[in-house]
Amino acid sequence: MDRTSEGIVVSTRIRLARNIEGFPFPSHLKDEKQAKEIIRLVSSGLSKLDEFRLMYMNTVTDEQAVCLMENHLISPKLIKNRRYSAALINREDNVSIMINEEDHLREQTIVKGLDLRLAYETMSEIDNKIANYMKFAFDEQLGFLTACPTNLGTGLRASVMQFLPALTMNGLMPKLIRGISRLGLTVRGIYGEGSEAEGYLYQISNEVTLGVTEEEILTQVGEVVKKVGELEENERRVIKTGPKALDIQDECMRAYGILTNCAKVSSQEFVRLASKVKLGACLGFVNISDVTEIDDLIVKMRPTNINAAAQKPLTTVDRDIYRAQYVANALKKLTL
């Protein structure tokens, strides 16, 4: 079976930027009282819609905040604004409302695989219900008013996380990124703006929100993501049949061997090796039953997630030992 197309799309994220009429943007809030009033307005309304838990960023520990970020439920910027910010997270941990980040509300949902419309419909339904009990800042010509001009209009950011090892290894990503940017889209790292593309993971999202409809954004992002996926498939076939195929197979199998036999492994080394194992599975070099399980494993093995799993703070060495044992068992279960 040809598995070269597997595991390219990791997840889809829809984010809506909104501000409440009558309040200054978060960067211009006069005092903590104003910030708390915004949090109260949003949380009191959302409590009627779903079982959201409210988390004030100034009351959670640094480790809890990083754990939320590692699970893509909040952004690094929300942590920086923690004195005035909060987050509402639903019970399934797939919808989060960040309050007083760059805008009063950053509403987002993440779904596995490529499903832009499902993610948008989920978020749009919640957004419409929120609009029933508060008035968003809106202009007939400019659309939704936002702190950053790049979010004016729809306030919609549609992002798709893709695993692109072949394009990266074959040196085609710089040219691809330039081409995507000319279409009004952007390519970022795993945690969004300013982050690196570790583990061959890249976020492709729209850059233009003004003068276009939500449907146009979803269509364009979907088309570009599918085209990038096709390019990645082609490059994987080049790798698999090319002169370096044996070397790459050896790298992938060695990565699997290390992760199933090592006594300790750091977070950075694990991501690098796990990405090689996933590539090996996609190329048929490593027998893994479900390559998407590796994506989940990478998130689970982040430093603060390990502490949460262990239900106690671990030293760096203890985390590396725990990670090695957990990963070895998990990969062996995934082996055909």
Protein backbone atom coordinates (compact mmCIF):
# COMPACT_ATOMS: atom_id res chain seq x y z
CA MET A 1 0.00 0.00 0.00
CA ASP A 2 1.29 3.47 -0.96
CA ARG A 3 1.28 5.57 2.22
CA THR A 4 3.11 8.63 0.86
CA SER A 5 0.02 10.83 1.26
CA GLU A 6 -0.53 9.98 4.93
CA GLY A 7 -0.01 12.38 7.79
CA ILE A 8 0.44 15.55 5.72
CA VAL A 9 -2.40 17.53 7.29
CA VAL A 10 -2.22 17.48 11.09
CA SER A 11 -5.00 19.86 12.14
CA THR A 12 -7.25 22.75 11.18
CA ARG A 13 -7.70 25.88 13.30
CA ILE A 14 -10.28 28.64 12.96
CA ARG A 15 -9.78 31.86 14.93
CA LEU A 16 -12.09 34.87 15.11
CA ALA A 17 -10.95 38.27 16.43
CA ARG A 18 -13.65 40.34 18.11
CA ASN A 19 -13.86 43.45 20.28
CA ILE A 20 -16.66 44.75 22.49
CA GLU A 21 -18.12 48.11 21.59
CA GLY A 22 -17.51 50.81 24.19
CA PHE A 23 -14.24 49.42 25.56
CA PRO A 24 -10.70 50.39 24.48
CA PHE A 25 -8.53 47.68 22.94
CA PRO A 26 -6.62 45.55 25.51
CA SER A 27 -3.38 47.51 24.95
CA HIS A 28 -5.23 50.71 25.94
CA LEU A 29 -7.23 49.45 28.91
CA LYS A 30 -7.05 52.03 31.68
CA ASP A 31 -6.97 49.69 34.64
CA GLU A 32 -7.60 46.19 35.94
CA LYS A 33 -11.24 47.05 36.63
CA GLN A 34 -11.98 47.50 32.91
CA ALA A 35 -10.21 44.25 32.07
CA LYS A 36 -12.19 42.32 34.68
CA GLU A 37 -15.45 43.80 33.43
CA ILE A 38 -14.72 42.47 29.94
CA ILE A 39 -13.91 39.04 31.40
CA ARG A 40 -17.17 39.14 33.39
CA LEU A 41 -19.26 40.06 30.35
CA VAL A 42 -17.82 37.30 28.20
CA SER A 43 -17.77 34.55 30.82
CA SER A 44 -21.30 35.25 32.12
CA GLY A 45 -22.70 34.85 28.63
CA LEU A 46 -20.65 31.79 27.71
CA SER A 47 -21.69 30.00 30.89
CA LYS A 48 -25.15 29.74 29.33
CA LEU A 49 -23.85 28.14 26.13
CA ASP A 50 -21.52 25.34 27.20
CA GLU A 51 -19.54 24.05 30.12
CA PHE A 52 -16.61 26.43 29.83
CA ARG A 53 -14.09 26.73 32.62
CA LEU A 54 -12.78 30.22 33.32
CA MET A 55 -9.07 30.58 33.97
CA TYR A 56 -7.60 33.93 35.03
CA MET A 57 -4.06 34.06 33.71
CA ASN A 58 -2.81 35.93 36.78
CA THR A 59 -3.92 33.07 39.06
CA VAL A 60 -2.58 30.07 37.15
CA THR A 61 0.99 28.94 37.67
CA ASP A 62 3.65 29.45 35.02
CA GLU A 63 3.60 25.72 34.38
CA GLN A 64 -0.19 25.63 33.93
CA ALA A 65 0.01 28.52 31.49
CA VAL A 66 2.74 26.83 29.43
CA CYS A 67 0.76 23.58 29.48
CA LEU A 68 -2.25 25.37 27.96
CA MET A 69 0.02 26.86 25.31
CA GLU A 70 1.63 23.49 24.52
CA ASN A 71 -1.87 22.15 23.89
CA HIS A 72 -2.63 25.12 21.59
CA LEU A 73 -5.45 26.35 23.83
CA ILE A 74 -3.89 29.77 24.43
CA SER A 75 -1.24 31.88 22.73
CA PRO A 76 2.16 33.08 24.03
CA LYS A 77 0.78 36.64 23.88
CA LEU A 78 -2.03 35.79 26.33
CA ILE A 79 0.60 34.67 28.82
CA LYS A 80 2.52 37.94 28.35
CA ASN A 81 -0.71 39.88 29.09
CA ARG A 82 -1.56 37.66 32.04
CA ARG A 83 -2.26 40.51 34.49
CA TYR A 84 -5.39 41.45 32.53
CA SER A 85 -6.18 38.28 30.59
CA ALA A 86 -8.20 35.09 30.96
CA ALA A 87 -9.28 32.07 28.95
CA LEU A 88 -12.53 30.13 28.67
CA ILE A 89 -12.01 26.51 27.62
CA ASN A 90 -14.77 24.01 26.92
CA ARG A 91 -14.92 20.54 28.44
CA GLU A 92 -13.71 18.82 25.24
CA ASP A 93 -10.62 21.08 25.14
CA ASN A 94 -11.22 21.89 21.47
CA VAL A 95 -12.69 25.38 21.81
CA SER A 96 -11.06 28.25 23.67
CA ILE A 97 -11.95 31.90 24.05
CA MET A 98 -8.94 34.06 24.91
CA ILE A 99 -9.95 37.28 26.64
CA ASN A 100 -7.83 40.44 26.52
CA GLU A 101 -5.11 39.03 24.31
CA GLU A 102 -4.47 41.44 21.41
CA ASP A 103 -8.26 41.83 21.05
CA HIS A 104 -10.99 41.49 23.66
CA LEU A 105 -11.87 38.07 22.27
CA ARG A 106 -9.84 35.58 20.30
CA GLU A 107 -12.24 32.70 19.68
CA GLN A 108 -10.69 29.52 18.31
CA THR A 109 -11.35 25.87 17.64
CA ILE A 110 -9.02 23.13 16.45
CA VAL A 111 -10.05 19.91 14.68
CA LYS A 112 -7.91 17.03 13.50
CA GLY A 113 -7.18 16.72 9.80
CA LEU A 114 -8.37 19.06 7.06
CA ASP A 115 -11.90 20.30 7.73
CA LEU A 116 -12.03 24.07 7.41
CA ARG A 117 -15.80 24.28 7.10
CA LEU A 118 -16.56 22.09 10.10
CA ALA A 119 -14.17 24.15 12.22
CA TYR A 120 -15.64 27.42 10.93
CA GLU A 121 -19.24 26.31 11.50
CA THR A 122 -18.38 25.29 15.06
CA MET A 123 -16.77 28.63 15.84
CA SER A 124 -19.32 30.71 13.94
CA GLU A 125 -22.19 29.18 15.91
CA ILE A 126 -20.56 30.11 19.22
CA ASP A 127 -19.64 33.56 17.89
CA ASN A 128 -23.27 34.22 16.87
CA LYS A 129 -24.50 33.24 20.33
CA ILE A 130 -21.96 35.54 21.98
CA ALA A 131 -23.18 38.37 19.73
CA ASN A 132 -26.69 37.89 21.13
CA TYR A 133 -25.70 39.25 24.54
CA MET A 134 -22.98 41.78 23.68
CA LYS A 135 -22.35 44.21 20.85
CA PHE A 136 -19.18 43.77 18.84
CA ALA A 137 -17.25 46.76 17.50
CA PHE A 138 -18.29 46.83 13.84
CA ASP A 139 -18.12 49.28 10.95
CA GLU A 140 -20.26 48.98 7.81
CA GLN A 141 -17.24 49.54 5.54
CA LEU A 142 -14.38 48.07 7.56
CA GLY A 143 -16.23 45.14 9.12
CA PHE A 144 -15.16 43.93 12.57
CA LEU A 145 -12.81 46.44 14.21
CA THR A 146 -9.62 44.91 15.56
CA ALA A 147 -6.46 46.04 17.34
CA CYS A 148 -4.28 45.04 14.38
CA PRO A 149 -5.31 46.31 10.91
CA THR A 150 -4.45 42.91 9.39
CA ASN A 151 -7.49 41.44 11.15
CA LEU A 152 -10.02 44.05 10.01
CA GLY A 153 -13.03 42.85 8.07
CA THR A 154 -13.98 39.27 8.80
CA GLY A 155 -11.52 38.92 11.70
CA LEU A 156 -11.11 35.35 10.45
CA ARG A 157 -7.84 33.47 10.49
CA ALA A 158 -8.06 30.01 8.92
CA SER A 159 -4.95 27.92 9.59
CA VAL A 160 -3.92 24.42 8.64
CA MET A 161 -0.96 22.63 10.24
CA GLN A 162 0.96 20.51 7.75
CA PHE A 163 3.80 18.01 8.13
CA LEU A 164 6.20 18.77 5.26
CA PRO A 165 9.47 16.86 5.72
CA ALA A 166 10.13 16.08 2.04
CA LEU A 167 9.69 19.68 0.90
CA THR A 168 11.95 20.78 3.74
CA MET A 169 14.66 18.16 3.18
CA ASN A 170 14.69 18.82 -0.57
CA GLY A 171 15.19 22.55 0.03
CA LEU A 172 11.92 23.69 -1.54
CA MET A 173 10.31 25.41 1.44
CA PRO A 174 11.85 28.91 0.92
CA LYS A 175 10.54 29.07 -2.65
CA LEU A 176 7.17 27.65 -1.60
CA ILE A 177 6.81 30.19 1.22
CA ARG A 178 7.53 33.04 -1.19
CA GLY A 179 4.93 31.72 -3.62
CA ILE A 180 2.31 31.34 -0.89
CA SER A 181 2.95 34.88 0.37
CA ARG A 182 2.27 36.28 -3.10
CA LEU A 183 -1.22 34.75 -2.86
CA GLY A 184 -1.94 36.68 0.34
CA LEU A 185 -1.29 33.74 2.63
CA THR A 186 1.45 33.20 5.18
CA VAL A 187 3.48 30.30 6.57
CA ARG A 188 4.38 30.17 10.27
CA GLY A 189 5.81 27.76 12.81
CA ILE A 190 4.03 25.41 15.16
CA TYR A 191 2.93 28.10 17.66
CA GLY A 192 2.03 30.77 15.11
CA GLU A 193 3.64 34.12 14.50
CA GLY A 194 7.31 34.31 15.44
CA SER A 195 7.67 30.58 16.17
CA GLU A 196 9.86 28.03 14.43
CA ALA A 197 8.74 25.12 12.25
CA GLU A 198 10.02 22.36 14.50
CA GLY A 199 9.42 18.76 13.49
CA TYR A 200 8.73 19.81 9.87
CA LEU A 201 5.43 21.35 11.02
CA TYR A 202 4.16 24.51 9.30
CA GLN A 203 0.97 26.55 9.68
CA ILE A 204 -0.51 27.87 6.45
CA SER A 205 -3.10 30.60 6.92
CA ASN A 206 -4.75 33.59 5.27
CA GLU A 207 -3.15 37.00 5.71
CA VAL A 208 -5.98 39.06 4.16
CA THR A 209 -9.22 39.51 6.11
CA LEU A 210 -10.50 42.81 4.67
CA GLY A 211 -12.42 42.95 1.40
CA VAL A 212 -13.00 39.21 1.24
CA THR A 213 -15.76 36.98 2.55
CA GLU A 214 -15.40 34.11 4.99
CA GLU A 215 -16.23 31.67 2.19
CA GLU A 216 -13.50 33.11 -0.03
CA ILE A 217 -10.94 32.74 2.77
CA LEU A 218 -11.90 29.13 3.49
CA THR A 219 -11.84 28.24 -0.21
CA GLN A 220 -8.44 29.84 -0.87
CA VAL A 221 -6.75 28.32 2.17
CA GLY A 222 -8.25 24.91 1.35
CA GLU A 223 -7.03 25.03 -2.25
CA VAL A 224 -3.50 26.09 -1.31
CA VAL A 225 -3.25 23.46 1.42
CA LYS A 226 -4.32 20.73 -1.01
CA LYS A 227 -1.77 21.94 -3.58
CA VAL A 228 0.99 21.96 -0.97
CA GLY A 229 -0.06 18.45 0.01
CA GLU A 230 0.31 17.31 -3.60
CA LEU A 231 3.79 18.87 -3.80
CA GLU A 232 4.78 17.10 -0.57
CA GLU A 233 3.53 13.78 -1.98
CA ASN A 234 5.62 14.26 -5.11
CA GLU A 235 8.75 15.05 -3.11
CA ARG A 236 8.19 12.01 -0.91
CA ARG A 237 8.15 9.84 -4.03
CA VAL A 238 11.39 11.53 -5.15
CA ILE A 239 12.94 10.67 -1.79
CA LYS A 240 11.66 7.10 -1.82
CA THR A 241 12.98 6.31 -5.30
CA GLY A 242 16.02 8.58 -5.37
CA PRO A 243 19.70 7.90 -4.69
CA LYS A 244 19.38 8.95 -1.04
CA ALA A 245 16.50 6.56 -0.29
CA LEU A 246 18.67 4.09 1.61
CA ASP A 247 20.26 6.85 3.72
CA ILE A 248 16.85 8.29 4.64
CA GLN A 249 15.46 4.83 5.39
CA ASP A 250 18.44 4.29 7.68
CA GLU A 251 17.79 7.63 9.44
CA CYS A 252 14.14 6.77 10.01
CA MET A 253 14.82 3.27 11.26
CA ARG A 254 17.63 4.48 13.52
CA ALA A 255 15.24 7.09 14.97
CA TYR A 256 12.72 4.34 15.70
CA GLY A 257 15.45 2.21 17.23
CA ILE A 258 16.63 5.00 19.52
CA LEU A 259 13.11 5.92 20.69
CA THR A 260 12.20 2.33 21.46
CA ASN A 261 15.43 1.56 23.32
CA CYS A 262 16.86 4.72 24.90
CA ALA A 263 16.97 5.32 28.66
CA LYS A 264 16.30 9.05 28.40
CA VAL A 265 15.44 11.57 25.69
CA SER A 266 15.09 15.35 25.78
CA SER A 267 12.06 17.17 24.39
CA GLN A 268 14.01 18.66 21.49
CA GLU A 269 15.66 15.38 20.52
CA PHE A 270 12.35 13.54 20.81
CA VAL A 271 10.57 15.90 18.39
CA ARG A 272 13.41 15.51 15.89
CA LEU A 273 13.42 11.71 16.13
CA ALA A 274 9.63 11.35 16.21
CA SER A 275 9.41 13.40 13.01
CA LYS A 276 11.84 10.99 11.35
CA VAL A 277 9.78 8.02 12.55
CA LYS A 278 6.61 9.59 11.16
CA LEU A 279 8.33 10.23 7.81
CA GLY A 280 9.55 6.64 7.81
CA ALA A 281 6.00 5.40 8.40
CA CYS A 282 4.66 7.55 5.55
CA LEU A 283 7.33 6.20 3.19
CA GLY A 284 6.79 2.60 4.29
CA PHE A 285 10.19 2.30 5.95
CA VAL A 286 8.76 1.91 9.48
CA ASN A 287 5.67 -0.15 10.29
CA ILE A 288 3.41 2.20 12.26
CA SER A 289 -0.32 1.46 12.19
CA ASP A 290 -1.53 5.06 12.56
CA VAL A 291 0.87 7.93 11.86
CA THR A 292 -1.51 10.50 13.39
CA GLU A 293 -0.83 8.93 16.79
CA ILE A 294 2.70 10.32 16.56
CA ASP A 295 1.25 13.86 16.38
CA ASP A 296 -0.63 13.25 19.64
CA LEU A 297 2.47 11.74 21.19
CA ILE A 298 4.54 14.83 20.40
CA VAL A 299 2.03 17.02 22.26
CA LYS A 300 1.78 14.62 25.21
CA MET A 301 5.55 14.59 25.63
CA ARG A 302 5.98 18.36 25.99
CA PRO A 303 7.70 19.17 29.31
CA THR A 304 4.71 20.58 31.18
CA ASN A 305 2.37 17.92 29.82
CA ILE A 306 4.66 15.27 31.26
CA ASN A 307 4.51 16.95 34.66
CA ALA A 308 0.72 16.98 34.41
CA ALA A 309 0.67 13.29 33.53
CA ALA A 310 2.98 12.48 36.43
CA GLN A 311 0.86 14.74 38.69
CA LYS A 312 4.00 16.24 40.17
CA PRO A 313 6.87 18.48 39.09
CA LEU A 314 9.76 16.49 37.68
CA THR A 315 13.38 17.44 37.27
CA THR A 316 14.72 17.73 33.73
CA VAL A 317 16.42 14.33 34.03
CA ASP A 318 13.28 12.68 35.44
CA ARG A 319 11.22 14.12 32.58
CA ASP A 320 13.68 12.75 30.04
CA ILE A 321 13.51 9.31 31.66
CA TYR A 322 9.70 9.39 31.82
CA ARG A 323 9.52 10.48 28.18
CA ALA A 324 11.80 7.68 27.02
CA GLN A 325 9.80 5.00 28.83
CA TYR A 326 6.42 6.35 27.70
CA VAL A 327 7.45 6.78 24.06
CA ALA A 328 9.05 3.34 23.84
CA ASN A 329 5.85 1.68 25.04
CA ALA A 330 3.63 3.84 22.83
CA LEU A 331 5.63 3.21 19.64
CA LYS A 332 5.79 -0.53 20.23
CA LYS A 333 1.98 -0.61 20.50
CA LEU A 334 1.72 1.26 17.19
CA THR A 335 4.01 -1.15 15.36
CA LEU A 336 2.22 -3.51 13.02
